[in-house]
Amino acid sequence: MKLYLGNLNKSMTDAQLNEIMLPYGTPQSAQIATDRGSGASKGFGFVEFGTDAEAQAAIAGLDGTEVQGQTIKCNESRPKTASH
C-alpha cells in the first residue's frame, strides 16, 4: 500500500522519511517529492509498504503528529485525478 505524507519539513530527506516509518514496518520505498528544476522539496512525499497492516499502522501512528516541527498528514495515496 502506498501512503501520502503531507506538510513535511522541506529539509527532510528520503532517508529521514524512511527512518520515521521503521517503527511501523519496512518501507519498500520512501521518496520526497521534489521540484524538477531546483530539486527543492515540495513538502510532501510517498512511502510504500509491502503489507496493508504496516501501512495502516503508520497512518494510525503518524497522522496528525509533529515531525521536525511540522504537524504531518499521513493517509493512503490516491491516484492522481485529471484536472480540467
N, C-alpha and C. Protein backbone atom coordinates (compact mmCIF):
# COMPACT_ATOMS: atom_id res chain seq x y z
N MET A 1 0.85 -1.18 0.00
CA MET A 1 0.00 0.00 0.00
C MET A 1 0.89 1.24 0.00
N LYS A 2 0.52 2.21 -0.81
CA LYS A 2 1.27 3.45 -0.92
C LYS A 2 0.63 4.52 -0.06
N LEU A 3 1.46 5.22 0.71
CA LEU A 3 0.99 6.29 1.58
C LEU A 3 1.44 7.65 1.07
N TYR A 4 0.59 8.65 1.32
CA TYR A 4 0.92 10.04 1.04
C TYR A 4 1.25 10.68 2.38
N LEU A 5 2.34 11.42 2.44
CA LEU A 5 2.69 12.19 3.64
C LEU A 5 2.80 13.65 3.25
N GLY A 6 2.01 14.48 3.90
CA GLY A 6 1.98 15.90 3.57
C GLY A 6 2.44 16.76 4.72
N ASN A 7 2.71 18.03 4.41
CA ASN A 7 3.18 19.04 5.36
C ASN A 7 4.52 18.64 5.99
N LEU A 8 5.37 18.00 5.19
CA LEU A 8 6.69 17.61 5.69
C LEU A 8 7.61 18.82 5.73
N ASN A 9 8.55 18.81 6.66
CA ASN A 9 9.57 19.83 6.72
C ASN A 9 10.34 19.79 5.40
N LYS A 10 10.57 20.95 4.81
CA LYS A 10 11.21 21.00 3.48
C LYS A 10 12.66 20.53 3.50
N SER A 11 13.24 20.39 4.69
CA SER A 11 14.63 19.91 4.76
C SER A 11 14.70 18.39 4.92
N MET A 12 13.55 17.72 5.03
CA MET A 12 13.54 16.26 5.21
C MET A 12 14.07 15.56 3.96
N THR A 13 14.87 14.52 4.19
CA THR A 13 15.43 13.73 3.09
C THR A 13 14.67 12.42 2.94
N ASP A 14 14.91 11.73 1.82
CA ASP A 14 14.32 10.40 1.62
C ASP A 14 14.70 9.47 2.77
N ALA A 15 15.97 9.53 3.19
CA ALA A 15 16.46 8.65 4.26
C ALA A 15 15.74 8.94 5.58
N GLN A 16 15.51 10.21 5.88
CA GLN A 16 14.80 10.57 7.12
C GLN A 16 13.34 10.12 7.05
N LEU A 17 12.73 10.24 5.89
CA LEU A 17 11.36 9.78 5.72
C LEU A 17 11.28 8.27 5.95
N ASN A 18 12.22 7.55 5.39
CA ASN A 18 12.29 6.10 5.59
C ASN A 18 12.44 5.78 7.07
N GLU A 19 13.29 6.53 7.75
CA GLU A 19 13.58 6.29 9.17
C GLU A 19 12.34 6.46 10.06
N ILE A 20 11.51 7.47 9.79
CA ILE A 20 10.33 7.66 10.64
C ILE A 20 9.27 6.58 10.41
N MET A 21 9.41 5.84 9.30
CA MET A 21 8.48 4.75 9.01
C MET A 21 8.89 3.42 9.66
N LEU A 22 10.13 3.26 10.03
CA LEU A 22 10.64 1.98 10.52
C LEU A 22 9.89 1.40 11.72
N PRO A 23 9.38 2.22 12.66
CA PRO A 23 8.63 1.61 13.77
C PRO A 23 7.36 0.87 13.33
N TYR A 24 6.90 1.13 12.11
CA TYR A 24 5.64 0.55 11.63
C TYR A 24 5.84 -0.61 10.67
N GLY A 25 7.05 -0.80 10.20
CA GLY A 25 7.35 -1.86 9.24
C GLY A 25 8.55 -1.46 8.40
N THR A 26 8.82 -2.23 7.38
CA THR A 26 9.95 -1.93 6.50
C THR A 26 9.43 -1.37 5.18
N PRO A 27 9.63 -0.08 4.95
CA PRO A 27 9.16 0.51 3.69
C PRO A 27 9.88 -0.08 2.49
N GLN A 28 9.14 -0.31 1.41
CA GLN A 28 9.75 -0.74 0.15
C GLN A 28 10.37 0.45 -0.56
N SER A 29 9.78 1.63 -0.35
CA SER A 29 10.32 2.86 -0.90
C SER A 29 9.83 4.03 -0.06
N ALA A 30 10.63 5.09 -0.03
CA ALA A 30 10.28 6.33 0.67
C ALA A 30 10.89 7.46 -0.14
N GLN A 31 10.05 8.33 -0.67
CA GLN A 31 10.55 9.36 -1.58
C GLN A 31 9.87 10.70 -1.32
N ILE A 32 10.70 11.73 -1.17
CA ILE A 32 10.22 13.10 -1.04
C ILE A 32 9.99 13.64 -2.45
N ALA A 33 8.87 14.30 -2.68
CA ALA A 33 8.61 14.93 -3.98
C ALA A 33 9.47 16.19 -4.09
N THR A 34 10.14 16.34 -5.22
CA THR A 34 11.00 17.50 -5.42
C THR A 34 10.64 18.24 -6.70
N ASP A 35 10.99 19.50 -6.71
CA ASP A 35 10.78 20.33 -7.89
C ASP A 35 11.76 19.91 -8.97
N ARG A 36 11.29 19.73 -10.18
CA ARG A 36 12.16 19.26 -11.27
C ARG A 36 13.31 20.22 -11.55
N GLY A 37 13.02 21.51 -11.53
CA GLY A 37 14.05 22.48 -11.87
C GLY A 37 15.09 22.67 -10.78
N SER A 38 14.64 22.93 -9.56
CA SER A 38 15.58 23.27 -8.48
C SER A 38 15.98 22.08 -7.62
N GLY A 39 15.19 21.02 -7.63
CA GLY A 39 15.47 19.87 -6.77
C GLY A 39 15.02 20.09 -5.33
N ALA A 40 14.38 21.23 -5.07
CA ALA A 40 13.92 21.54 -3.71
C ALA A 40 12.70 20.70 -3.35
N SER A 41 12.58 20.37 -2.07
CA SER A 41 11.43 19.60 -1.59
C SER A 41 10.14 20.36 -1.81
N LYS A 42 9.09 19.62 -2.17
CA LYS A 42 7.76 20.22 -2.31
C LYS A 42 6.97 20.11 -1.01
N GLY A 43 7.56 19.48 0.03
CA GLY A 43 6.90 19.40 1.33
C GLY A 43 5.96 18.21 1.47
N PHE A 44 6.05 17.26 0.54
CA PHE A 44 5.26 16.03 0.67
C PHE A 44 6.05 14.88 0.08
N GLY A 45 5.59 13.67 0.38
CA GLY A 45 6.29 12.51 -0.14
C GLY A 45 5.40 11.28 -0.13
N PHE A 46 5.98 10.17 -0.56
CA PHE A 46 5.24 8.91 -0.66
C PHE A 46 6.08 7.79 -0.07
N VAL A 47 5.41 6.89 0.63
CA VAL A 47 6.07 5.71 1.20
C VAL A 47 5.24 4.50 0.82
N GLU A 48 5.92 3.44 0.40
CA GLU A 48 5.21 2.22 0.03
C GLU A 48 5.62 1.09 0.97
N PHE A 49 4.61 0.43 1.55
CA PHE A 49 4.82 -0.72 2.41
C PHE A 49 4.37 -1.98 1.68
N GLY A 50 4.95 -3.11 2.03
CA GLY A 50 4.59 -4.38 1.41
C GLY A 50 3.26 -4.91 1.86
N THR A 51 2.83 -4.53 3.08
CA THR A 51 1.55 -5.03 3.58
C THR A 51 0.64 -3.88 4.00
N ASP A 52 -0.66 -4.11 3.88
CA ASP A 52 -1.62 -3.10 4.32
C ASP A 52 -1.54 -2.89 5.82
N ALA A 53 -1.23 -3.94 6.58
CA ALA A 53 -1.14 -3.82 8.04
C ALA A 53 -0.06 -2.83 8.45
N GLU A 54 1.10 -2.89 7.80
CA GLU A 54 2.18 -1.94 8.10
C GLU A 54 1.74 -0.52 7.75
N ALA A 55 1.13 -0.38 6.59
CA ALA A 55 0.68 0.94 6.13
C ALA A 55 -0.37 1.52 7.08
N GLN A 56 -1.33 0.70 7.49
CA GLN A 56 -2.38 1.17 8.41
C GLN A 56 -1.77 1.56 9.75
N ALA A 57 -0.77 0.81 10.23
CA ALA A 57 -0.10 1.15 11.48
C ALA A 57 0.60 2.50 11.37
N ALA A 58 1.23 2.75 10.23
CA ALA A 58 1.91 4.04 10.00
C ALA A 58 0.90 5.18 9.99
N ILE A 59 -0.24 5.00 9.33
CA ILE A 59 -1.28 6.03 9.30
C ILE A 59 -1.75 6.32 10.72
N ALA A 60 -2.07 5.26 11.47
CA ALA A 60 -2.56 5.42 12.85
C ALA A 60 -1.51 6.09 13.74
N GLY A 61 -0.25 5.75 13.52
CA GLY A 61 0.81 6.26 14.38
C GLY A 61 1.32 7.64 14.02
N LEU A 62 1.17 8.05 12.77
CA LEU A 62 1.80 9.30 12.33
C LEU A 62 0.85 10.43 11.96
N ASP A 63 -0.35 10.14 11.49
CA ASP A 63 -1.25 11.21 11.03
C ASP A 63 -1.54 12.18 12.18
N GLY A 64 -1.25 13.45 11.94
CA GLY A 64 -1.52 14.48 12.95
C GLY A 64 -0.43 14.65 13.99
N THR A 65 0.68 13.92 13.85
CA THR A 65 1.77 14.05 14.81
C THR A 65 2.79 15.08 14.31
N GLU A 66 3.65 15.53 15.23
CA GLU A 66 4.65 16.51 14.86
C GLU A 66 5.97 15.82 14.54
N VAL A 67 6.50 16.11 13.37
CA VAL A 67 7.79 15.59 12.94
C VAL A 67 8.61 16.77 12.43
N GLN A 68 9.78 16.96 12.99
CA GLN A 68 10.67 18.07 12.61
C GLN A 68 9.94 19.42 12.63
N GLY A 69 9.10 19.62 13.66
CA GLY A 69 8.42 20.90 13.84
C GLY A 69 7.19 21.11 12.99
N GLN A 70 6.77 20.11 12.23
CA GLN A 70 5.59 20.22 11.36
C GLN A 70 4.57 19.16 11.76
N THR A 71 3.28 19.53 11.78
CA THR A 71 2.23 18.55 12.01
C THR A 71 1.93 17.89 10.67
N ILE A 72 2.28 16.61 10.57
CA ILE A 72 2.20 15.95 9.26
C ILE A 72 0.86 15.26 9.04
N LYS A 73 0.59 15.04 7.77
CA LYS A 73 -0.62 14.34 7.33
C LYS A 73 -0.13 13.01 6.74
N CYS A 74 -0.79 11.92 7.12
CA CYS A 74 -0.40 10.61 6.62
C CYS A 74 -1.67 9.83 6.29
N ASN A 75 -1.85 9.50 5.01
CA ASN A 75 -3.02 8.71 4.62
C ASN A 75 -2.71 7.91 3.36
N GLU A 76 -3.67 7.08 2.98
CA GLU A 76 -3.47 6.27 1.79
C GLU A 76 -3.40 7.16 0.57
N SER A 77 -2.41 6.89 -0.28
CA SER A 77 -2.24 7.67 -1.51
C SER A 77 -3.37 7.34 -2.47
N ARG A 78 -3.93 8.38 -3.08
CA ARG A 78 -4.97 8.16 -4.07
C ARG A 78 -4.39 8.48 -5.44
N PRO A 79 -4.87 7.80 -6.47
CA PRO A 79 -4.35 8.09 -7.82
C PRO A 79 -4.60 9.55 -8.20
N LYS A 80 -3.71 10.10 -9.00
CA LYS A 80 -3.88 11.46 -9.50
C LYS A 80 -5.16 11.53 -10.30
N THR A 81 -5.87 12.64 -10.15
CA THR A 81 -7.06 12.83 -10.99
C THR A 81 -6.72 13.89 -12.04
N ALA A 82 -7.30 13.74 -13.19
CA ALA A 82 -7.05 14.69 -14.27
C ALA A 82 -7.69 16.04 -13.92
N SER A 83 -6.93 17.12 -14.08
CA SER A 83 -7.50 18.43 -13.82
C SER A 83 -8.21 18.93 -15.07
N HIS A 84 -9.19 19.77 -14.87
CA HIS A 84 -10.00 20.24 -16.00
C HIS A 84 -9.41 21.44 -16.64
